[in-house]
Amino acid sequence: MKSAFWLLVATTALLGGCLQSAPQYSLTGGEQGVFRTQNAGRPIPVSQIKGMDERQLTSTFGVPLLDRKDGPTRVLRYQSDGCSLFVYVTGDRASYADAYDPQLRPLMNTDQCAGSVAAQRRAV
């Protein structure tokens, strides 16, 4: 009887090692971004970006590196040497903005990123 018990324990242990569980990772990693730039410019508050039309966005940040349309929303991506600024346009006005460092980790201060993008904007 004891040998049957140990055989059951050994079989369970061997089969238990063969089972796979779901990977334990996150796409965001939860890390905060690091903002470093050669030309920071003057921070531009997100509240000032909200409500800008396309002409104002272009004169402030230059030509976007990405212009993507998803349903009723357009996503414009601007870049400086220290960050990427994403501006979401609904209708004909900017409705939201967020910023990421070069490793695509979210930045706490979108205002600083917006200032560096404006200071380093590309010619229109």
PDB file of N, CA and C in Angstrom:
ATOM      1  N   MET A   1       0.813  -1.184   0.000  1.00  0.00           N
ATOM      2  CA  MET A   1       0.000   0.000   0.000  1.00  0.00           C
ATOM      3  C   MET A   1       0.863   1.256   0.000  1.00  0.00           C
ATOM      4  N   LYS A   2       1.992   1.202   0.808  1.00  0.00           N
ATOM      5  CA  LYS A   2       2.875   2.357   0.851  1.00  0.00           C
ATOM      6  C   LYS A   2       3.534   2.595  -0.503  1.00  0.00           C
ATOM      7  N   SER A   3       3.860   1.544  -1.205  1.00  0.00           N
ATOM      8  CA  SER A   3       4.498   1.712  -2.512  1.00  0.00           C
ATOM      9  C   SER A   3       3.535   2.338  -3.511  1.00  0.00           C
ATOM     10  N   ALA A   4       2.252   2.012  -3.416  1.00  0.00           N
ATOM     11  CA  ALA A   4       1.264   2.638  -4.295  1.00  0.00           C
ATOM     12  C   ALA A   4       1.147   4.132  -3.986  1.00  0.00           C
ATOM     13  N   PHE A   5       1.224   4.480  -2.705  1.00  0.00           N
ATOM     14  CA  PHE A   5       1.154   5.882  -2.299  1.00  0.00           C
ATOM     15  C   PHE A   5       2.342   6.665  -2.867  1.00  0.00           C
ATOM     16  N   TRP A   6       3.556   6.101  -2.730  1.00  0.00           N
ATOM     17  CA  TRP A   6       4.755   6.791  -3.226  1.00  0.00           C
ATOM     18  C   TRP A   6       4.760   6.859  -4.754  1.00  0.00           C
ATOM     19  N   LEU A   7       4.204   5.862  -5.385  1.00  0.00           N
ATOM     20  CA  LEU A   7       4.081   5.888  -6.844  1.00  0.00           C
ATOM     21  C   LEU A   7       3.133   7.013  -7.269  1.00  0.00           C
ATOM     22  N   LEU A   8       2.038   7.199  -6.556  1.00  0.00           N
ATOM     23  CA  LEU A   8       1.092   8.268  -6.832  1.00  0.00           C
ATOM     24  C   LEU A   8       1.735   9.644  -6.600  1.00  0.00           C
ATOM     25  N   VAL A   9       2.510   9.789  -5.525  1.00  0.00           N
ATOM     26  CA  VAL A   9       3.203  11.051  -5.225  1.00  0.00           C
ATOM     27  C   VAL A   9       4.223  11.368  -6.316  1.00  0.00           C
ATOM     28  N   ALA A  10       4.991  10.381  -6.731  1.00  0.00           N
ATOM     29  CA  ALA A  10       6.011  10.587  -7.761  1.00  0.00           C
ATOM     30  C   ALA A  10       5.370  10.954  -9.096  1.00  0.00           C
ATOM     31  N   THR A  11       4.285  10.288  -9.454  1.00  0.00           N
ATOM     32  CA  THR A  11       3.591  10.576 -10.706  1.00  0.00           C
ATOM     33  C   THR A  11       3.026  11.985 -10.694  1.00  0.00           C
ATOM     34  N   THR A  12       2.433  12.374  -9.578  1.00  0.00           N
ATOM     35  CA  THR A  12       1.874  13.723  -9.444  1.00  0.00           C
ATOM     36  C   THR A  12       2.972  14.774  -9.572  1.00  0.00           C
ATOM     37  N   ALA A  13       4.113  14.528  -8.949  1.00  0.00           N
ATOM     38  CA  ALA A  13       5.221  15.482  -9.020  1.00  0.00           C
ATOM     39  C   ALA A  13       5.748  15.614 -10.436  1.00  0.00           C
ATOM     40  N   LEU A  14       5.864  14.473 -11.131  1.00  0.00           N
ATOM     41  CA  LEU A  14       6.359  14.522 -12.502  1.00  0.00           C
ATOM     42  C   LEU A  14       5.381  15.220 -13.434  1.00  0.00           C
ATOM     43  N   LEU A  15       4.106  14.907 -13.306  1.00  0.00           N
ATOM     44  CA  LEU A  15       3.110  15.541 -14.166  1.00  0.00           C
ATOM     45  C   LEU A  15       2.916  17.009 -13.814  1.00  0.00           C
ATOM     46  N   GLY A  16       3.085  17.334 -12.561  1.00  0.00           N
ATOM     47  CA  GLY A  16       2.946  18.733 -12.135  1.00  0.00           C
ATOM     48  C   GLY A  16       3.982  19.626 -12.789  1.00  0.00           C
ATOM     49  N   GLY A  17       5.147  19.097 -13.051  1.00  0.00           N
ATOM     50  CA  GLY A  17       6.190  19.873 -13.710  1.00  0.00           C
ATOM     51  C   GLY A  17       5.912  20.105 -15.182  1.00  0.00           C
ATOM     52  N   CYS A  18       5.025  19.308 -15.769  1.00  0.00           N
ATOM     53  CA  CYS A  18       4.705  19.439 -17.190  1.00  0.00           C
ATOM     54  C   CYS A  18       3.622  20.481 -17.456  1.00  0.00           C
ATOM     55  N   LEU A  19       2.894  20.853 -16.455  1.00  0.00           N
ATOM     56  CA  LEU A  19       1.825  21.828 -16.647  1.00  0.00           C
ATOM     57  C   LEU A  19       2.409  23.213 -16.839  1.00  0.00           C
ATOM     58  N   GLN A  20       1.814  23.967 -17.732  1.00  0.00           N
ATOM     59  CA  GLN A  20       2.273  25.334 -17.968  1.00  0.00           C
ATOM     60  C   GLN A  20       1.232  26.297 -17.446  1.00  0.00           C
ATOM     61  N   SER A  21       1.702  27.348 -16.845  1.00  0.00           N
ATOM     62  CA  SER A  21       0.781  28.388 -16.394  1.00  0.00           C
ATOM     63  C   SER A  21       0.952  29.610 -17.294  1.00  0.00           C
ATOM     64  N   ALA A  22       0.014  30.506 -17.203  1.00  0.00           N
ATOM     65  CA  ALA A  22       0.072  31.728 -18.012  1.00  0.00           C
ATOM     66  C   ALA A  22       1.293  32.544 -17.608  1.00  0.00           C
ATOM     67  N   PRO A  23       1.965  33.178 -18.573  1.00  0.00           N
ATOM     68  CA  PRO A  23       3.139  33.989 -18.245  1.00  0.00           C
ATOM     69  C   PRO A  23       2.741  35.161 -17.348  1.00  0.00           C
ATOM     70  N   GLN A  24       3.608  35.492 -16.421  1.00  0.00           N
ATOM     71  CA  GLN A  24       3.358  36.567 -15.473  1.00  0.00           C
ATOM     72  C   GLN A  24       4.181  37.796 -15.866  1.00  0.00           C
ATOM     73  N   TYR A  25       3.656  38.580 -16.803  1.00  0.00           N
ATOM     74  CA  TYR A  25       4.330  39.791 -17.213  1.00  0.00           C
ATOM     75  C   TYR A  25       3.300  40.835 -17.601  1.00  0.00           C
ATOM     76  N   SER A  26       3.764  42.054 -17.704  1.00  0.00           N
ATOM     77  CA  SER A  26       2.900  43.155 -18.106  1.00  0.00           C
ATOM     78  C   SER A  26       3.550  43.848 -19.285  1.00  0.00           C
ATOM     79  N   LEU A  27       2.744  44.299 -20.243  1.00  0.00           N
ATOM     80  CA  LEU A  27       3.301  45.005 -21.391  1.00  0.00           C
ATOM     81  C   LEU A  27       3.874  46.352 -20.992  1.00  0.00           C
ATOM     82  N   THR A  28       3.308  46.981 -19.992  1.00  0.00           N
ATOM     83  CA  THR A  28       3.812  48.292 -19.580  1.00  0.00           C
ATOM     84  C   THR A  28       4.963  48.176 -18.609  1.00  0.00           C
ATOM     85  N   GLY A  29       5.033  47.127 -17.858  1.00  0.00           N
ATOM     86  CA  GLY A  29       6.114  46.953 -16.904  1.00  0.00           C
ATOM     87  C   GLY A  29       5.979  47.829 -15.679  1.00  0.00           C
ATOM     88  N   GLY A  30       5.105  48.807 -15.720  1.00  0.00           N
ATOM     89  CA  GLY A  30       4.897  49.675 -14.565  1.00  0.00           C
ATOM     90  C   GLY A  30       6.027  50.648 -14.300  1.00  0.00           C
ATOM     91  N   GLU A  31       7.007  50.718 -15.170  1.00  0.00           N
ATOM     92  CA  GLU A  31       8.134  51.625 -14.955  1.00  0.00           C
ATOM     93  C   GLU A  31       7.778  53.037 -15.398  1.00  0.00           C
ATOM     94  N   GLN A  32       8.239  54.018 -14.649  1.00  0.00           N
ATOM     95  CA  GLN A  32       8.068  55.403 -15.044  1.00  0.00           C
ATOM     96  C   GLN A  32       9.174  55.786 -16.025  1.00  0.00           C
ATOM     97  N   GLY A  33       8.829  56.610 -16.978  1.00  0.00           N
ATOM     98  CA  GLY A  33       9.796  57.077 -17.959  1.00  0.00           C
ATOM     99  C   GLY A  33      10.759  58.086 -17.366  1.00  0.00           C
ATOM    100  N   VAL A  34      11.870  58.268 -18.059  1.00  0.00           N
ATOM    101  CA  VAL A  34      12.900  59.232 -17.656  1.00  0.00           C
ATOM    102  C   VAL A  34      13.020  60.269 -18.757  1.00  0.00           C
ATOM    103  N   PHE A  35      12.874  61.535 -18.394  1.00  0.00           N
ATOM    104  CA  PHE A  35      12.926  62.617 -19.371  1.00  0.00           C
ATOM    105  C   PHE A  35      14.297  63.270 -19.333  1.00  0.00           C
ATOM    106  N   ARG A  36      15.044  63.148 -20.445  1.00  0.00           N
ATOM    107  CA  ARG A  36      16.344  63.811 -20.614  1.00  0.00           C
ATOM    108  C   ARG A  36      16.367  64.404 -21.999  1.00  0.00           C
ATOM    109  N   THR A  37      16.787  65.665 -22.100  1.00  0.00           N
ATOM    110  CA  THR A  37      16.804  66.321 -23.400  1.00  0.00           C
ATOM    111  C   THR A  37      17.924  67.352 -23.444  1.00  0.00           C
ATOM    112  N   GLN A  38      18.374  67.670 -24.648  1.00  0.00           N
ATOM    113  CA  GLN A  38      19.381  68.706 -24.853  1.00  0.00           C
ATOM    114  C   GLN A  38      18.748  70.086 -24.926  1.00  0.00           C
ATOM    115  N   ASN A  39      17.467  70.150 -25.308  1.00  0.00           N
ATOM    116  CA  ASN A  39      16.780  71.436 -25.469  1.00  0.00           C
ATOM    117  C   ASN A  39      15.358  71.280 -24.925  1.00  0.00           C
ATOM    118  N   ALA A  40      15.184  71.591 -23.649  1.00  0.00           N
ATOM    119  CA  ALA A  40      13.895  71.365 -22.981  1.00  0.00           C
ATOM    120  C   ALA A  40      12.839  72.387 -23.357  1.00  0.00           C
ATOM    121  N   GLY A  41      13.243  73.572 -23.739  1.00  0.00           N
ATOM    122  CA  GLY A  41      12.251  74.606 -24.034  1.00  0.00           C
ATOM    123  C   GLY A  41      11.461  74.968 -22.782  1.00  0.00           C
ATOM    124  N   ARG A  42      10.344  75.621 -22.978  1.00  0.00           N
ATOM    125  CA  ARG A  42       9.469  76.015 -21.875  1.00  0.00           C
ATOM    126  C   ARG A  42       8.308  75.032 -21.830  1.00  0.00           C
ATOM    127  N   PRO A  43       8.003  74.448 -20.655  1.00  0.00           N
ATOM    128  CA  PRO A  43       6.887  73.491 -20.581  1.00  0.00           C
ATOM    129  C   PRO A  43       5.584  74.090 -21.111  1.00  0.00           C
ATOM    130  N   ILE A  44       4.819  73.264 -21.801  1.00  0.00           N
ATOM    131  CA  ILE A  44       3.512  73.673 -22.327  1.00  0.00           C
ATOM    132  C   ILE A  44       2.465  72.818 -21.627  1.00  0.00           C
ATOM    133  N   PRO A  45       1.579  73.434 -20.840  1.00  0.00           N
ATOM    134  CA  PRO A  45       0.573  72.652 -20.107  1.00  0.00           C
ATOM    135  C   PRO A  45      -0.384  71.918 -21.051  1.00  0.00           C
ATOM    136  N   VAL A  46      -0.774  70.731 -20.647  1.00  0.00           N
ATOM    137  CA  VAL A  46      -1.730  69.952 -21.434  1.00  0.00           C
ATOM    138  C   VAL A  46      -3.032  70.728 -21.589  1.00  0.00           C
ATOM    139  N   SER A  47      -3.396  71.500 -20.572  1.00  0.00           N
ATOM    140  CA  SER A  47      -4.627  72.294 -20.661  1.00  0.00           C
ATOM    141  C   SER A  47      -4.564  73.302 -21.798  1.00  0.00           C
ATOM    142  N   GLN A  48      -3.358  73.725 -22.160  1.00  0.00           N
ATOM    143  CA  GLN A  48      -3.193  74.647 -23.289  1.00  0.00           C
ATOM    144  C   GLN A  48      -3.272  73.900 -24.621  1.00  0.00           C
ATOM    145  N   ILE A  49      -2.838  72.649 -24.638  1.00  0.00           N
ATOM    146  CA  ILE A  49      -2.876  71.844 -25.863  1.00  0.00           C
ATOM    147  C   ILE A  49      -4.321  71.466 -26.200  1.00  0.00           C
ATOM    148  N   LYS A  50      -5.092  71.114 -25.173  1.00  0.00           N
ATOM    149  CA  LYS A  50      -6.502  70.754 -25.390  1.00  0.00           C
ATOM    150  C   LYS A  50      -7.223  71.921 -26.027  1.00  0.00           C
ATOM    151  N   GLY A  51      -7.954  71.630 -27.093  1.00  0.00           N
ATOM    152  CA  GLY A  51      -8.703  72.663 -27.784  1.00  0.00           C
ATOM    153  C   GLY A  51      -7.979  73.258 -28.978  1.00  0.00           C
ATOM    154  N   MET A  52      -6.670  72.948 -29.139  1.00  0.00           N
ATOM    155  CA  MET A  52      -5.946  73.459 -30.306  1.00  0.00           C
ATOM    156  C   MET A  52      -6.488  72.812 -31.576  1.00  0.00           C
ATOM    157  N   ASP A  53      -6.557  73.582 -32.660  1.00  0.00           N
ATOM    158  CA  ASP A  53      -6.919  73.008 -33.957  1.00  0.00           C
ATOM    159  C   ASP A  53      -5.630  72.576 -34.666  1.00  0.00           C
ATOM    160  N   GLU A  54      -5.780  72.010 -35.851  1.00  0.00           N
ATOM    161  CA  GLU A  54      -4.613  71.472 -36.558  1.00  0.00           C
ATOM    162  C   GLU A  54      -3.592  72.560 -36.903  1.00  0.00           C
ATOM    163  N   ARG A  55      -4.052  73.734 -37.264  1.00  0.00           N
ATOM    164  CA  ARG A  55      -3.141  74.831 -37.588  1.00  0.00           C
ATOM    165  C   ARG A  55      -2.311  75.221 -36.362  1.00  0.00           C
ATOM    166  N   GLN A  56      -2.952  75.305 -35.205  1.00  0.00           N
ATOM    167  CA  GLN A  56      -2.236  75.651 -33.982  1.00  0.00           C
ATOM    168  C   GLN A  56      -1.255  74.554 -33.572  1.00  0.00           C
ATOM    169  N   LEU A  57      -1.661  73.292 -33.738  1.00  0.00           N
ATOM    170  CA  LEU A  57      -0.763  72.180 -33.411  1.00  0.00           C
ATOM    171  C   LEU A  57       0.473  72.216 -34.296  1.00  0.00           C
ATOM    172  N   THR A  58       0.276  72.452 -35.603  1.00  0.00           N
ATOM    173  CA  THR A  58       1.402  72.496 -36.538  1.00  0.00           C
ATOM    174  C   THR A  58       2.321  73.673 -36.240  1.00  0.00           C
ATOM    175  N   SER A  59       1.762  74.822 -35.919  1.00  0.00           N
ATOM    176  CA  SER A  59       2.623  75.974 -35.629  1.00  0.00           C
ATOM    177  C   SER A  59       3.355  75.799 -34.303  1.00  0.00           C
ATOM    178  N   THR A  60       2.783  75.044 -33.365  1.00  0.00           N
ATOM    179  CA  THR A  60       3.432  74.835 -32.066  1.00  0.00           C
ATOM    180  C   THR A  60       4.438  73.696 -32.099  1.00  0.00           C
ATOM    181  N   PHE A  61       4.058  72.554 -32.697  1.00  0.00           N
ATOM    182  CA  PHE A  61       4.884  71.346 -32.630  1.00  0.00           C
ATOM    183  C   PHE A  61       5.518  70.939 -33.950  1.00  0.00           C
ATOM    184  N   GLY A  62       5.153  71.580 -35.048  1.00  0.00           N
ATOM    185  CA  GLY A  62       5.684  71.205 -36.353  1.00  0.00           C
ATOM    186  C   GLY A  62       4.837  70.124 -36.993  1.00  0.00           C
ATOM    187  N   VAL A  63       5.412  69.451 -37.973  1.00  0.00           N
ATOM    188  CA  VAL A  63       4.714  68.398 -38.706  1.00  0.00           C
ATOM    189  C   VAL A  63       4.792  67.106 -37.895  1.00  0.00           C
ATOM    190  N   PRO A  64       3.658  66.419 -37.680  1.00  0.00           N
ATOM    191  CA  PRO A  64       3.711  65.171 -36.902  1.00  0.00           C
ATOM    192  C   PRO A  64       4.446  64.074 -37.667  1.00  0.00           C
ATOM    193  N   LEU A  65       5.134  63.216 -36.914  1.00  0.00           N
ATOM    194  CA  LEU A  65       5.811  62.069 -37.528  1.00  0.00           C
ATOM    195  C   LEU A  65       4.825  60.954 -37.836  1.00  0.00           C
ATOM    196  N   LEU A  66       3.678  60.970 -37.162  1.00  0.00           N
ATOM    197  CA  LEU A  66       2.643  59.975 -37.388  1.00  0.00           C
ATOM    198  C   LEU A  66       1.300  60.681 -37.363  1.00  0.00           C
ATOM    199  N   ASP A  67       0.439  60.339 -38.288  1.00  0.00           N
ATOM    200  CA  ASP A  67      -0.928  60.864 -38.325  1.00  0.00           C
ATOM    201  C   ASP A  67      -1.818  59.664 -38.601  1.00  0.00           C
ATOM    202  N   ARG A  68      -2.434  59.141 -37.555  1.00  0.00           N
ATOM    203  CA  ARG A  68      -3.224  57.911 -37.679  1.00  0.00           C
ATOM    204  C   ARG A  68      -4.674  58.197 -37.312  1.00  0.00           C
ATOM    205  N   LYS A  69      -5.571  57.660 -38.096  1.00  0.00           N
ATOM    206  CA  LYS A  69      -6.995  57.847 -37.834  1.00  0.00           C
ATOM    207  C   LYS A  69      -7.601  56.527 -37.397  1.00  0.00           C
ATOM    208  N   ASP A  70      -8.233  56.528 -36.233  1.00  0.00           N
ATOM    209  CA  ASP A  70      -8.955  55.371 -35.699  1.00  0.00           C
ATOM    210  C   ASP A  70     -10.371  55.804 -35.396  1.00  0.00           C
ATOM    211  N   GLY A  71     -11.286  55.487 -36.295  1.00  0.00           N
ATOM    212  CA  GLY A  71     -12.675  55.907 -36.111  1.00  0.00           C
ATOM    213  C   GLY A  71     -12.762  57.421 -36.111  1.00  0.00           C
ATOM    214  N   PRO A  72     -13.392  57.999 -35.111  1.00  0.00           N
ATOM    215  CA  PRO A  72     -13.544  59.454 -35.072  1.00  0.00           C
ATOM    216  C   PRO A  72     -12.322  60.190 -34.513  1.00  0.00           C
ATOM    217  N   THR A  73     -11.306  59.450 -34.078  1.00  0.00           N
ATOM    218  CA  THR A  73     -10.144  60.070 -33.428  1.00  0.00           C
ATOM    219  C   THR A  73      -8.898  59.940 -34.286  1.00  0.00           C
ATOM    220  N   ARG A  74      -8.138  61.023 -34.355  1.00  0.00           N
ATOM    221  CA  ARG A  74      -6.820  61.002 -34.991  1.00  0.00           C
ATOM    222  C   ARG A  74      -5.765  61.044 -33.898  1.00  0.00           C
ATOM    223  N   VAL A  75      -4.678  60.334 -34.120  1.00  0.00           N
ATOM    224  CA  VAL A  75      -3.552  60.349 -33.192  1.00  0.00           C
ATOM    225  C   VAL A  75      -2.370  60.951 -33.934  1.00  0.00           C
ATOM    226  N   LEU A  76      -1.837  62.036 -33.397  1.00  0.00           N
ATOM    227  CA  LEU A  76      -0.667  62.693 -33.971  1.00  0.00           C
ATOM    228  C   LEU A  76       0.513  62.459 -33.039  1.00  0.00           C
ATOM    229  N   ARG A  77       1.637  62.014 -33.601  1.00  0.00           N
ATOM    230  CA  ARG A  77       2.827  61.782 -32.780  1.00  0.00           C
ATOM    231  C   ARG A  77       3.897  62.787 -33.176  1.00  0.00           C
ATOM    232  N   TYR A  78       4.412  63.464 -32.169  1.00  0.00           N
ATOM    233  CA  TYR A  78       5.512  64.410 -32.333  1.00  0.00           C
ATOM    234  C   TYR A  78       6.685  63.887 -31.516  1.00  0.00           C
ATOM    235  N   GLN A  79       7.895  64.269 -31.915  1.00  0.00           N
ATOM    236  CA  GLN A  79       9.070  63.719 -31.257  1.00  0.00           C
ATOM    237  C   GLN A  79      10.119  64.787 -31.001  1.00  0.00           C
ATOM    238  N   SER A  80      10.791  64.653 -29.862  1.00  0.00           N
ATOM    239  CA  SER A  80      11.990  65.441 -29.582  1.00  0.00           C
ATOM    240  C   SER A  80      13.098  64.438 -29.273  1.00  0.00           C
ATOM    241  N   ASP A  81      14.263  64.926 -28.880  1.00  0.00           N
ATOM    242  CA  ASP A  81      15.350  63.998 -28.570  1.00  0.00           C
ATOM    243  C   ASP A  81      15.110  63.250 -27.262  1.00  0.00           C
ATOM    244  N   GLY A  82      14.144  63.701 -26.443  1.00  0.00           N
ATOM    245  CA  GLY A  82      13.926  63.076 -25.140  1.00  0.00           C
ATOM    246  C   GLY A  82      12.584  62.405 -24.948  1.00  0.00           C
ATOM    247  N   CYS A  83      11.675  62.551 -25.906  1.00  0.00           N
ATOM    248  CA  CYS A  83      10.338  61.978 -25.687  1.00  0.00           C
ATOM    249  C   CYS A  83       9.513  61.952 -26.966  1.00  0.00           C
ATOM    250  N   SER A  84       8.392  61.247 -26.866  1.00  0.00           N
ATOM    251  CA  SER A  84       7.364  61.241 -27.908  1.00  0.00           C
ATOM    252  C   SER A  84       6.094  61.802 -27.295  1.00  0.00           C
ATOM    253  N   LEU A  85       5.472  62.732 -28.003  1.00  0.00           N
ATOM    254  CA  LEU A  85       4.232  63.350 -27.560  1.00  0.00           C
ATOM    255  C   LEU A  85       3.117  62.868 -28.475  1.00  0.00           C
ATOM    256  N   PHE A  86       2.069  62.289 -27.884  1.00  0.00           N
ATOM    257  CA  PHE A  86       0.907  61.847 -28.635  1.00  0.00           C
ATOM    258  C   PHE A  86      -0.246  62.790 -28.343  1.00  0.00           C
ATOM    259  N   VAL A  87      -0.816  63.366 -29.396  1.00  0.00           N
ATOM    260  CA  VAL A  87      -1.957  64.268 -29.254  1.00  0.00           C
ATOM    261  C   VAL A  87      -3.141  63.605 -29.944  1.00  0.00           C
ATOM    262  N   TYR A  88      -4.230  63.481 -29.217  1.00  0.00           N
ATOM    263  CA  TYR A  88      -5.445  62.840 -29.731  1.00  0.00           C
ATOM    264  C   TYR A  88      -6.418  63.937 -30.141  1.00  0.00           C
ATOM    265  N   VAL A  89      -6.844  63.898 -31.399  1.00  0.00           N
ATOM    266  CA  VAL A  89      -7.713  64.923 -31.965  1.00  0.00           C
ATOM    267  C   VAL A  89      -9.066  64.295 -32.267  1.00  0.00           C
ATOM    268  N   THR A  90     -10.109  64.860 -31.694  1.00  0.00           N
ATOM    269  CA  THR A  90     -11.473  64.420 -31.954  1.00  0.00           C
ATOM    270  C   THR A  90     -12.210  65.579 -32.611  1.00  0.00           C
ATOM    271  N   GLY A  91     -12.852  65.296 -33.740  1.00  0.00           N
ATOM    272  CA  GLY A  91     -13.451  66.386 -34.503  1.00  0.00           C
ATOM    273  C   GLY A  91     -12.317  67.174 -35.136  1.00  0.00           C
ATOM    274  N   ASP A  92     -12.221  68.437 -34.823  1.00  0.00           N
ATOM    275  CA  ASP A  92     -11.111  69.241 -35.349  1.00  0.00           C
ATOM    276  C   ASP A  92     -10.285  69.871 -34.230  1.00  0.00           C
ATOM    277  N   ARG A  93     -10.414  69.349 -33.007  1.00  0.00           N
ATOM    278  CA  ARG A  93      -9.706  69.917 -31.847  1.00  0.00           C
ATOM    279  C   ARG A  93      -8.979  68.833 -31.052  1.00  0.00           C
ATOM    280  N   ALA A  94      -7.826  69.199 -30.495  1.00  0.00           N
ATOM    281  CA  ALA A  94      -7.083  68.294 -29.626  1.00  0.00           C
ATOM    282  C   ALA A  94      -7.892  68.061 -28.353  1.00  0.00           C
ATOM    283  N   SER A  95      -8.008  66.795 -27.969  1.00  0.00           N
ATOM    284  CA  SER A  95      -8.795  66.474 -26.788  1.00  0.00           C
ATOM    285  C   SER A  95      -7.966  65.873 -25.654  1.00  0.00           C
ATOM    286  N   TYR A  96      -6.774  65.369 -25.964  1.00  0.00           N
ATOM    287  CA  TYR A  96      -5.965  64.694 -24.950  1.00  0.00           C
ATOM    288  C   TYR A  96      -4.527  64.625 -25.444  1.00  0.00           C
ATOM    289  N   ALA A  97      -3.575  64.573 -24.516  1.00  0.00           N
ATOM    290  CA  ALA A  97      -2.167  64.409 -24.878  1.00  0.00           C
ATOM    291  C   ALA A  97      -1.478  63.560 -23.816  1.00  0.00           C
ATOM    292  N   ASP A  98      -0.544  62.730 -24.244  1.00  0.00           N
ATOM    293  CA  ASP A  98       0.291  62.007 -23.296  1.00  0.00           C
ATOM    294  C   ASP A  98       1.695  61.869 -23.869  1.00  0.00           C
ATOM    295  N   ALA A  99       2.642  61.502 -23.005  1.00  0.00           N
ATOM    296  CA  ALA A  99       4.045  61.510 -23.402  1.00  0.00           C
ATOM    297  C   ALA A  99       4.757  60.255 -22.905  1.00  0.00           C
ATOM    298  N   TYR A 100       5.767  59.845 -23.694  1.00  0.00           N
ATOM    299  CA  TYR A 100       6.566  58.662 -23.380  1.00  0.00           C
ATOM    300  C   TYR A 100       8.042  58.970 -23.622  1.00  0.00           C
ATOM    301  N   ASP A 101       8.909  58.303 -22.864  1.00  0.00           N
ATOM    302  CA  ASP A 101      10.350  58.471 -23.079  1.00  0.00           C
ATOM    303  C   ASP A 101      10.767  57.628 -24.283  1.00  0.00           C
ATOM    304  N   PRO A 102      12.053  57.675 -24.699  1.00  0.00           N
ATOM    305  CA  PRO A 102      12.472  56.920 -25.896  1.00  0.00           C
ATOM    306  C   PRO A 102      12.266  55.402 -25.802  1.00  0.00           C
ATOM    307  N   GLN A 103      12.161  54.857 -24.578  1.00  0.00           N
ATOM    308  CA  GLN A 103      11.897  53.426 -24.412  1.00  0.00           C
ATOM    309  C   GLN A 103      10.398  53.148 -24.268  1.00  0.00           C
ATOM    310  N   LEU A 104       9.572  54.150 -24.586  1.00  0.00           N
ATOM    311  CA  LEU A 104       8.110  54.072 -24.537  1.00  0.00           C
ATOM    312  C   LEU A 104       7.562  53.781 -23.144  1.00  0.00           C
ATOM    313  N   ARG A 105       8.257  54.315 -22.130  1.00  0.00           N
ATOM    314  CA  ARG A 105       7.735  54.274 -20.767  1.00  0.00           C
ATOM    315  C   ARG A 105       6.995  55.586 -20.523  1.00  0.00           C
ATOM    316  N   PRO A 106       5.841  55.546 -19.878  1.00  0.00           N
ATOM    317  CA  PRO A 106       5.058  56.774 -19.688  1.00  0.00           C
ATOM    318  C   PRO A 106       5.774  57.797 -18.822  1.00  0.00           C
ATOM    319  N   LEU A 107       5.679  59.050 -19.245  1.00  0.00           N
ATOM    320  CA  LEU A 107       6.257  60.161 -18.481  1.00  0.00           C
ATOM    321  C   LEU A 107       5.195  60.753 -17.564  1.00  0.00           C
ATOM    322  N   MET A 108       5.608  61.123 -16.378  1.00  0.00           N
ATOM    323  CA  MET A 108       4.694  61.753 -15.430  1.00  0.00           C
ATOM    324  C   MET A 108       4.313  63.158 -15.879  1.00  0.00           C
ATOM    325  N   ASN A 109       5.272  63.881 -16.470  1.00  0.00           N
ATOM    326  CA  ASN A 109       5.046  65.275 -16.807  1.00  0.00           C
ATOM    327  C   ASN A 109       4.978  65.467 -18.320  1.00  0.00           C
ATOM    328  N   THR A 110       3.776  65.450 -18.851  1.00  0.00           N
ATOM    329  CA  THR A 110       3.567  65.657 -20.287  1.00  0.00           C
ATOM    330  C   THR A 110       3.947  67.079 -20.687  1.00  0.00           C
ATOM    331  N   ASP A 111       3.811  68.028 -19.777  1.00  0.00           N
ATOM    332  CA  ASP A 111       4.116  69.436 -20.067  1.00  0.00           C
ATOM    333  C   ASP A 111       5.569  69.616 -20.504  1.00  0.00           C
ATOM    334  N   GLN A 112       6.509  68.942 -19.823  1.00  0.00           N
ATOM    335  CA  GLN A 112       7.923  69.051 -20.182  1.00  0.00           C
ATOM    336  C   GLN A 112       8.180  68.501 -21.575  1.00  0.00           C
ATOM    337  N   CYS A 113       7.570  67.379 -21.886  1.00  0.00           N
ATOM    338  CA  CYS A 113       7.737  66.777 -23.212  1.00  0.00           C
ATOM    339  C   CYS A 113       7.209  67.719 -24.285  1.00  0.00           C
ATOM    340  N   ALA A 114       6.036  68.285 -24.067  1.00  0.00           N
ATOM    341  CA  ALA A 114       5.446  69.204 -25.037  1.00  0.00           C
ATOM    342  C   ALA A 114       6.367  70.398 -25.269  1.00  0.00           C
ATOM    343  N   GLY A 115       6.978  70.894 -24.213  1.00  0.00           N
ATOM    344  CA  GLY A 115       7.919  72.021 -24.353  1.00  0.00           C
ATOM    345  C   GLY A 115       9.138  71.654 -25.170  1.00  0.00           C
ATOM    346  N   SER A 116       9.678  70.440 -24.956  1.00  0.00           N
ATOM    347  CA  SER A 116      10.867  70.050 -25.722  1.00  0.00           C
ATOM    348  C   SER A 116      10.524  69.790 -27.180  1.00  0.00           C
ATOM    349  N   VAL A 117       9.335  69.247 -27.451  1.00  0.00           N
ATOM    350  CA  VAL A 117       8.922  69.033 -28.837  1.00  0.00           C
ATOM    351  C   VAL A 117       8.777  70.383 -29.541  1.00  0.00           C
ATOM    352  N   ALA A 118       8.156  71.342 -28.869  1.00  0.00           N
ATOM    353  CA  ALA A 118       7.974  72.681 -29.456  1.00  0.00           C
ATOM    354  C   ALA A 118       9.314  73.346 -29.700  1.00  0.00           C
ATOM    355  N   ALA A 119      10.250  73.205 -28.783  1.00  0.00           N
ATOM    356  CA  ALA A 119      11.565  73.825 -28.944  1.00  0.00           C
ATOM    357  C   ALA A 119      12.364  73.185 -30.067  1.00  0.00           C
ATOM    358  N   GLN A 120      12.097  71.925 -30.359  1.00  0.00           N
ATOM    359  CA  GLN A 120      12.872  71.196 -31.376  1.00  0.00           C
ATOM    360  C   GLN A 120      12.044  70.912 -32.630  1.00  0.00           C
ATOM    361  N   ARG A 121      10.912  71.610 -32.797  1.00  0.00           N
ATOM    362  CA  ARG A 121      10.004  71.288 -33.906  1.00  0.00           C
ATOM    363  C   ARG A 121      10.688  71.352 -35.254  1.00  0.00           C
ATOM    364  N   ARG A 122      10.192  70.544 -36.129  1.00  0.00           N
ATOM    365  CA  ARG A 122      10.720  70.497 -37.491  1.00  0.00           C
ATOM    366  C   ARG A 122      10.082  71.589 -38.322  1.00  0.00           C
ATOM    367  N   ALA A 123      10.776  72.013 -39.329  1.00  0.00           N
ATOM    368  CA  ALA A 123      10.252  73.058 -40.203  1.00  0.00           C
ATOM    369  C   ALA A 123       8.977  72.591 -40.893  1.00  0.00           C
ATOM    370  N   VAL A 124       8.014  73.486 -41.000  1.00  0.00           N
ATOM    371  CA  VAL A 124       6.722  73.147 -41.608  1.00  0.00           C
ATOM    372  C   VAL A 124       6.824  73.264 -43.115  1.00  0.00           C
TER     373      VAL A 124
END
